[in-house]
Structure formats: structure tokens, C-alpha cells
């Protein structure tokens, strides 16, 4: 019984983290999105965070590029789509693939580069974590 309660606590904690990250992501304004999009040659951390994000959003391998990420950001609703995503339907292989990009960084490291990229990091990390 103790294990079942522990699993429920973990699930609840994870759901809370995802919900909080999704809310922060949904509140990004146009200026924040433009900040990320303005990088022609983004810092590696920003690029990796956005790659993880578009993986979780379902982009096929052939479309996991910075130019595709910029187009997604250009629609100015990528962050809202991400925030509304049903994360339980994301296959585990996509989560693991995204985590390969994210595991190289900490939230604090990404935050020093870009507040908006840090919001994507927080969201993607919460979803990709097992």
C-alpha cells in the first residue's frame, strides 16, 4: 500500500510541475517569443531546448531543425500549443529523445541566456522526466 501512495504522490507532484510549467509557458508574450526567434545562430542551450520542445510537440526527425523551430515560434502560438498539449499521449521514445537535449543543462543555465527559453526548458523537462 505504501508503494501505491508513493506512486500517486509522484504522479501528483509531476502533474503539478507540468501544470505550473504549462501556465508559465502560456503566459509568454510576443516580445519573449521574438527574443528567441531573433537568434540567427542561437546559443547551443537555446537551440537544444527548442529541439526538445518540437520533439515533444511531435515534429518528425526530418523537421527537428532550428529553422523549423523559428517558424514554429513565428506563429506565436507554439507556446500555447505546448501548454495545452496532452502530455500523457507523448510516446516514451520522444520523451527520452527530448531529455537527451535537456540533460546537458540546468534551468539556471538556460535562464542566464533567455527567460523565454527557460520557460520552454521548464515545460519540456517536466514532460520528458520519467
N, C-alpha and C. Protein backbone atom coordinates (compact mmCIF):
# COMPACT_ATOMS: atom_id res chain seq x y z
N UNK A 1 0.82 -1.20 0.00
CA UNK A 1 0.00 0.00 0.00
C UNK A 1 0.86 1.27 0.00
N UNK A 2 1.98 1.21 0.72
CA UNK A 2 2.86 2.37 0.78
C UNK A 2 3.40 2.71 -0.61
N UNK A 3 3.72 1.68 -1.43
CA UNK A 3 4.22 1.92 -2.78
C UNK A 3 3.17 2.61 -3.64
N UNK A 4 1.91 2.21 -3.52
CA UNK A 4 0.83 2.82 -4.30
C UNK A 4 0.69 4.29 -3.93
N UNK A 5 0.77 4.61 -2.64
CA UNK A 5 0.68 6.01 -2.21
C UNK A 5 1.86 6.81 -2.72
N UNK A 6 3.05 6.20 -2.71
CA UNK A 6 4.25 6.88 -3.22
C UNK A 6 4.09 7.18 -4.71
N UNK A 7 3.58 6.21 -5.50
CA UNK A 7 3.36 6.42 -6.93
C UNK A 7 2.35 7.53 -7.18
N UNK A 8 1.29 7.57 -6.36
CA UNK A 8 0.29 8.61 -6.52
C UNK A 8 0.87 9.99 -6.20
N UNK A 9 1.75 10.04 -5.17
CA UNK A 9 2.40 11.29 -4.80
C UNK A 9 3.31 11.76 -5.93
N UNK A 10 4.08 10.83 -6.49
CA UNK A 10 4.96 11.18 -7.61
C UNK A 10 4.15 11.68 -8.78
N UNK A 11 3.07 10.98 -9.11
CA UNK A 11 2.22 11.40 -10.23
C UNK A 11 1.63 12.79 -9.96
N UNK A 12 1.17 13.01 -8.73
CA UNK A 12 0.60 14.31 -8.39
C UNK A 12 1.67 15.40 -8.47
N UNK A 13 2.87 15.11 -7.94
CA UNK A 13 3.96 16.09 -7.99
C UNK A 13 4.33 16.41 -9.43
N UNK A 14 4.41 15.38 -10.26
CA UNK A 14 4.75 15.58 -11.67
C UNK A 14 3.66 16.39 -12.37
N UNK A 15 2.42 16.05 -12.11
CA UNK A 15 1.29 16.80 -12.70
C UNK A 15 1.35 18.27 -12.28
N UNK A 16 1.69 18.52 -11.03
CA UNK A 16 1.78 19.90 -10.53
C UNK A 16 2.90 20.65 -11.25
N UNK A 17 4.06 19.99 -11.43
CA UNK A 17 5.18 20.63 -12.13
C UNK A 17 4.80 20.94 -13.58
N UNK A 18 4.15 19.99 -14.24
CA UNK A 18 3.75 20.20 -15.64
C UNK A 18 2.73 21.31 -15.74
N UNK A 19 1.77 21.32 -14.82
CA UNK A 19 0.75 22.35 -14.83
C UNK A 19 1.36 23.74 -14.62
N UNK A 20 2.27 23.85 -13.66
CA UNK A 20 2.92 25.13 -13.40
C UNK A 20 3.76 25.57 -14.60
N UNK A 21 4.52 24.65 -15.17
CA UNK A 21 5.35 24.98 -16.34
C UNK A 21 4.49 25.37 -17.53
N UNK A 22 3.38 24.68 -17.73
CA UNK A 22 2.47 24.98 -18.83
C UNK A 22 1.87 26.37 -18.68
N UNK A 23 1.53 26.73 -17.46
CA UNK A 23 0.97 28.06 -17.20
C UNK A 23 1.99 29.14 -17.51
N UNK A 24 3.23 28.94 -17.06
CA UNK A 24 4.29 29.91 -17.33
C UNK A 24 4.51 30.05 -18.83
N UNK A 25 4.53 28.91 -19.51
CA UNK A 25 4.74 28.92 -20.96
C UNK A 25 3.61 29.64 -21.68
N UNK A 26 2.39 29.39 -21.29
CA UNK A 26 1.23 30.01 -21.94
C UNK A 26 1.22 31.53 -21.76
N UNK A 27 1.88 32.01 -20.71
CA UNK A 27 1.87 33.45 -20.42
C UNK A 27 2.99 34.22 -21.12
N UNK A 28 3.85 33.51 -21.87
CA UNK A 28 4.90 34.23 -22.60
C UNK A 28 4.26 35.19 -23.60
N UNK A 29 4.78 36.36 -23.66
CA UNK A 29 4.25 37.36 -24.59
C UNK A 29 5.01 37.34 -25.91
N UNK A 30 4.52 38.13 -26.84
CA UNK A 30 5.11 38.19 -28.18
C UNK A 30 6.57 38.62 -28.12
N UNK A 31 6.88 39.56 -27.24
CA UNK A 31 8.26 40.04 -27.09
C UNK A 31 9.19 38.89 -26.69
N UNK A 32 8.74 38.06 -25.77
CA UNK A 32 9.54 36.93 -25.32
C UNK A 32 9.77 35.93 -26.45
N UNK A 33 8.75 35.68 -27.22
CA UNK A 33 8.88 34.74 -28.34
C UNK A 33 9.81 35.32 -29.40
N UNK A 34 9.71 36.62 -29.63
CA UNK A 34 10.57 37.28 -30.61
C UNK A 34 12.03 37.23 -30.17
N UNK A 35 12.25 37.31 -28.85
CA UNK A 35 13.61 37.22 -28.31
C UNK A 35 14.29 35.93 -28.77
N UNK A 36 13.62 34.82 -28.63
CA UNK A 36 14.20 33.54 -29.04
C UNK A 36 14.34 33.49 -30.56
N UNK A 37 13.31 33.90 -31.24
CA UNK A 37 13.29 33.83 -32.70
C UNK A 37 14.38 34.70 -33.33
N UNK A 38 14.82 35.73 -32.62
CA UNK A 38 15.80 36.66 -33.18
C UNK A 38 17.20 36.06 -33.30
N UNK A 39 17.45 34.96 -32.63
CA UNK A 39 18.77 34.33 -32.74
C UNK A 39 18.93 33.70 -34.12
N UNK A 40 19.89 34.21 -34.91
CA UNK A 40 20.19 33.57 -36.19
C UNK A 40 21.01 32.31 -35.95
N UNK A 41 21.95 32.43 -35.03
CA UNK A 41 22.79 31.31 -34.64
C UNK A 41 22.68 31.23 -33.11
N UNK A 42 21.67 30.54 -32.61
CA UNK A 42 21.37 30.58 -31.17
C UNK A 42 22.46 29.92 -30.34
N UNK A 43 22.59 30.34 -29.09
CA UNK A 43 23.46 29.60 -28.18
C UNK A 43 22.99 28.14 -28.13
N UNK A 44 23.93 27.25 -27.98
CA UNK A 44 23.61 25.82 -28.02
C UNK A 44 22.47 25.44 -27.06
N UNK A 45 22.47 26.03 -25.88
CA UNK A 45 21.42 25.73 -24.90
C UNK A 45 20.03 26.10 -25.39
N UNK A 46 19.90 27.25 -26.01
CA UNK A 46 18.61 27.69 -26.55
C UNK A 46 18.17 26.75 -27.67
N UNK A 47 19.09 26.45 -28.56
CA UNK A 47 18.77 25.55 -29.67
C UNK A 47 18.33 24.18 -29.15
N UNK A 48 19.06 23.63 -28.19
CA UNK A 48 18.72 22.31 -27.66
C UNK A 48 17.36 22.30 -26.95
N UNK A 49 17.07 23.36 -26.23
CA UNK A 49 15.76 23.44 -25.55
C UNK A 49 14.64 23.47 -26.57
N UNK A 50 14.81 24.24 -27.64
CA UNK A 50 13.77 24.30 -28.67
C UNK A 50 13.66 22.99 -29.44
N UNK A 51 14.78 22.31 -29.65
CA UNK A 51 14.73 21.00 -30.31
C UNK A 51 13.94 20.02 -29.44
N UNK A 52 14.21 20.02 -28.15
CA UNK A 52 13.46 19.15 -27.24
C UNK A 52 11.97 19.49 -27.28
N UNK A 53 11.66 20.77 -27.34
CA UNK A 53 10.26 21.20 -27.36
C UNK A 53 9.54 20.75 -28.63
N UNK A 54 10.18 20.89 -29.79
CA UNK A 54 9.49 20.48 -31.01
C UNK A 54 9.41 18.96 -31.12
N UNK A 55 10.35 18.25 -30.51
CA UNK A 55 10.24 16.78 -30.44
C UNK A 55 8.99 16.41 -29.66
N UNK A 56 8.80 17.04 -28.50
CA UNK A 56 7.63 16.75 -27.67
C UNK A 56 6.34 17.16 -28.35
N UNK A 57 6.41 18.16 -29.21
CA UNK A 57 5.23 18.59 -29.95
C UNK A 57 4.93 17.70 -31.16
N UNK A 58 5.81 16.72 -31.42
CA UNK A 58 5.52 15.73 -32.44
C UNK A 58 6.16 15.93 -33.79
N UNK A 59 7.09 16.86 -33.90
CA UNK A 59 7.76 17.05 -35.19
C UNK A 59 8.60 15.82 -35.54
N UNK A 60 8.53 15.36 -36.79
CA UNK A 60 9.35 14.21 -37.20
C UNK A 60 10.83 14.60 -37.24
N UNK A 61 11.69 13.61 -37.20
CA UNK A 61 13.14 13.82 -37.16
C UNK A 61 13.60 14.78 -38.26
N UNK A 62 13.03 14.65 -39.46
CA UNK A 62 13.44 15.50 -40.58
C UNK A 62 13.11 16.98 -40.36
N UNK A 63 12.24 17.27 -39.42
CA UNK A 63 11.83 18.65 -39.15
C UNK A 63 12.36 19.18 -37.82
N UNK A 64 13.34 18.50 -37.27
CA UNK A 64 13.90 18.93 -35.99
C UNK A 64 15.14 19.79 -36.25
N UNK A 65 14.87 20.99 -36.75
CA UNK A 65 15.93 21.93 -37.10
C UNK A 65 15.63 23.29 -36.48
N UNK A 66 16.66 24.13 -36.40
CA UNK A 66 16.46 25.47 -35.88
C UNK A 66 15.52 26.28 -36.78
N UNK A 67 15.63 26.10 -38.09
CA UNK A 67 14.75 26.87 -38.98
C UNK A 67 13.28 26.49 -38.77
N UNK A 68 13.00 25.22 -38.53
CA UNK A 68 11.62 24.80 -38.24
C UNK A 68 11.18 25.37 -36.88
N UNK A 69 12.07 25.31 -35.90
CA UNK A 69 11.74 25.86 -34.58
C UNK A 69 11.42 27.35 -34.70
N UNK A 70 12.20 28.09 -35.51
CA UNK A 70 11.93 29.51 -35.70
C UNK A 70 10.58 29.74 -36.37
N UNK A 71 10.24 28.88 -37.33
CA UNK A 71 8.92 29.00 -37.96
C UNK A 71 7.81 28.76 -36.94
N UNK A 72 8.01 27.75 -36.10
CA UNK A 72 7.03 27.46 -35.03
C UNK A 72 6.89 28.68 -34.12
N UNK A 73 8.02 29.24 -33.73
CA UNK A 73 7.99 30.42 -32.87
C UNK A 73 7.34 31.60 -33.58
N UNK A 74 7.54 31.67 -34.88
CA UNK A 74 6.98 32.76 -35.67
C UNK A 74 5.46 32.76 -35.69
N UNK A 75 4.88 31.61 -35.46
CA UNK A 75 3.42 31.55 -35.43
C UNK A 75 2.87 32.14 -34.13
N UNK A 76 3.77 32.37 -33.16
CA UNK A 76 3.44 32.95 -31.87
C UNK A 76 2.38 32.17 -31.10
N UNK A 77 2.13 30.93 -31.51
CA UNK A 77 1.22 30.13 -30.69
C UNK A 77 1.86 28.80 -30.30
N UNK A 78 3.14 28.64 -30.64
CA UNK A 78 3.84 27.42 -30.26
C UNK A 78 3.78 27.21 -28.75
N UNK A 79 4.01 28.26 -27.99
CA UNK A 79 4.00 28.15 -26.54
C UNK A 79 2.61 27.80 -26.01
N UNK A 80 1.58 28.30 -26.68
CA UNK A 80 0.22 27.97 -26.23
C UNK A 80 -0.15 26.53 -26.60
N UNK A 81 0.27 26.09 -27.79
CA UNK A 81 0.04 24.69 -28.18
C UNK A 81 0.76 23.75 -27.22
N UNK A 82 1.98 24.13 -26.88
CA UNK A 82 2.77 23.32 -25.95
C UNK A 82 2.08 23.25 -24.59
N UNK A 83 1.60 24.39 -24.12
CA UNK A 83 0.95 24.44 -22.81
C UNK A 83 -0.34 23.63 -22.76
N UNK A 84 -1.00 23.48 -23.90
CA UNK A 84 -2.27 22.74 -23.96
C UNK A 84 -2.10 21.28 -24.37
N UNK A 85 -0.88 20.86 -24.61
CA UNK A 85 -0.59 19.51 -25.09
C UNK A 85 -0.98 18.46 -24.05
N UNK A 86 -1.58 17.38 -24.51
CA UNK A 86 -1.90 16.25 -23.63
C UNK A 86 -0.63 15.40 -23.51
N UNK A 87 0.16 15.70 -22.49
CA UNK A 87 1.48 15.09 -22.35
C UNK A 87 1.42 13.58 -22.16
N UNK A 88 0.31 13.06 -21.67
CA UNK A 88 0.20 11.62 -21.45
C UNK A 88 0.20 10.84 -22.77
N UNK A 89 -0.07 11.52 -23.86
CA UNK A 89 -0.10 10.85 -25.17
C UNK A 89 1.25 10.89 -25.88
N UNK A 90 2.25 11.52 -25.26
CA UNK A 90 3.57 11.60 -25.88
C UNK A 90 4.30 10.27 -25.65
N UNK A 91 4.72 9.61 -26.72
CA UNK A 91 5.40 8.32 -26.56
C UNK A 91 6.71 8.46 -25.76
N UNK A 92 7.03 7.42 -25.01
CA UNK A 92 8.22 7.44 -24.16
C UNK A 92 9.50 7.66 -24.98
N UNK A 93 9.55 7.14 -26.20
CA UNK A 93 10.77 7.34 -27.00
C UNK A 93 10.98 8.82 -27.32
N UNK A 94 9.90 9.56 -27.54
CA UNK A 94 10.03 11.01 -27.78
C UNK A 94 10.49 11.73 -26.51
N UNK A 95 9.97 11.30 -25.37
CA UNK A 95 10.38 11.91 -24.10
C UNK A 95 11.87 11.69 -23.87
N UNK A 96 12.32 10.49 -24.13
CA UNK A 96 13.75 10.17 -23.94
C UNK A 96 14.62 10.96 -24.92
N UNK A 97 14.16 11.07 -26.15
CA UNK A 97 14.90 11.84 -27.15
C UNK A 97 15.01 13.31 -26.71
N UNK A 98 13.92 13.87 -26.23
CA UNK A 98 13.93 15.25 -25.75
C UNK A 98 14.87 15.40 -24.55
N UNK A 99 14.87 14.43 -23.66
CA UNK A 99 15.70 14.51 -22.46
C UNK A 99 17.19 14.48 -22.80
N UNK A 100 17.55 13.85 -23.91
CA UNK A 100 18.95 13.86 -24.34
C UNK A 100 19.43 15.30 -24.57
N UNK A 101 18.56 16.12 -25.13
CA UNK A 101 18.90 17.53 -25.34
C UNK A 101 18.93 18.31 -24.02
N UNK A 102 17.96 18.03 -23.16
CA UNK A 102 17.79 18.82 -21.94
C UNK A 102 18.78 18.48 -20.84
N UNK A 103 19.21 17.23 -20.79
CA UNK A 103 20.04 16.77 -19.67
C UNK A 103 21.41 17.44 -19.61
N UNK A 104 21.80 18.12 -20.66
CA UNK A 104 23.09 18.81 -20.70
C UNK A 104 23.07 20.13 -19.93
N UNK A 105 21.88 20.58 -19.54
CA UNK A 105 21.73 21.91 -18.97
C UNK A 105 20.90 21.89 -17.70
N UNK A 106 21.00 22.99 -16.97
CA UNK A 106 20.11 23.22 -15.83
C UNK A 106 19.19 24.39 -16.19
N UNK A 107 18.11 24.49 -15.46
CA UNK A 107 17.19 25.62 -15.65
C UNK A 107 17.94 26.94 -15.46
N UNK A 108 18.79 26.99 -14.44
CA UNK A 108 19.54 28.22 -14.13
C UNK A 108 20.44 28.62 -15.29
N UNK A 109 21.09 27.63 -15.91
CA UNK A 109 21.97 27.91 -17.04
C UNK A 109 21.18 28.53 -18.20
N UNK A 110 20.04 27.94 -18.52
CA UNK A 110 19.22 28.44 -19.63
C UNK A 110 18.65 29.82 -19.28
N UNK A 111 18.28 30.01 -18.03
CA UNK A 111 17.71 31.29 -17.59
C UNK A 111 18.70 32.43 -17.78
N UNK A 112 19.99 32.16 -17.63
CA UNK A 112 21.02 33.20 -17.83
C UNK A 112 21.08 33.64 -19.29
N UNK A 113 20.67 32.76 -20.19
CA UNK A 113 20.71 33.06 -21.62
C UNK A 113 19.42 33.73 -22.08
N UNK A 114 18.29 33.16 -21.66
CA UNK A 114 17.00 33.64 -22.15
C UNK A 114 15.87 33.22 -21.21
N UNK A 115 15.09 34.19 -20.75
CA UNK A 115 13.95 33.90 -19.88
C UNK A 115 12.91 33.06 -20.61
N UNK A 116 12.70 33.38 -21.87
CA UNK A 116 11.70 32.64 -22.65
C UNK A 116 12.17 31.20 -22.90
N UNK A 117 13.43 31.02 -23.23
CA UNK A 117 13.96 29.66 -23.42
C UNK A 117 13.88 28.88 -22.12
N UNK A 118 14.07 29.56 -20.99
CA UNK A 118 13.97 28.89 -19.69
C UNK A 118 12.55 28.39 -19.44
N UNK A 119 11.55 29.12 -19.91
CA UNK A 119 10.17 28.67 -19.76
C UNK A 119 9.94 27.40 -20.58
N UNK A 120 10.48 27.36 -21.80
CA UNK A 120 10.39 26.14 -22.61
C UNK A 120 11.16 25.00 -21.95
N UNK A 121 12.32 25.31 -21.38
CA UNK A 121 13.11 24.28 -20.69
C UNK A 121 12.30 23.67 -19.54
N UNK A 122 11.72 24.52 -18.72
CA UNK A 122 10.95 24.05 -17.56
C UNK A 122 9.80 23.15 -18.02
N UNK A 123 9.11 23.56 -19.06
CA UNK A 123 7.99 22.78 -19.59
C UNK A 123 8.48 21.44 -20.15
N UNK A 124 9.47 21.49 -21.03
CA UNK A 124 9.96 20.27 -21.67
C UNK A 124 10.55 19.30 -20.65
N UNK A 125 11.28 19.83 -19.69
CA UNK A 125 11.90 18.97 -18.67
C UNK A 125 10.83 18.29 -17.82
N UNK A 126 9.80 19.03 -17.46
CA UNK A 126 8.72 18.44 -16.66
C UNK A 126 8.02 17.31 -17.42
N UNK A 127 7.84 17.48 -18.71
CA UNK A 127 7.16 16.46 -19.51
C UNK A 127 8.08 15.28 -19.81
N UNK A 128 9.34 15.56 -20.12
CA UNK A 128 10.25 14.50 -20.54
C UNK A 128 10.77 13.66 -19.36
N UNK A 129 10.70 14.19 -18.16
CA UNK A 129 11.18 13.44 -16.99
C UNK A 129 10.33 12.19 -16.78
N UNK A 130 11.01 11.14 -16.40
CA UNK A 130 10.28 9.88 -16.14
C UNK A 130 9.90 9.77 -14.70
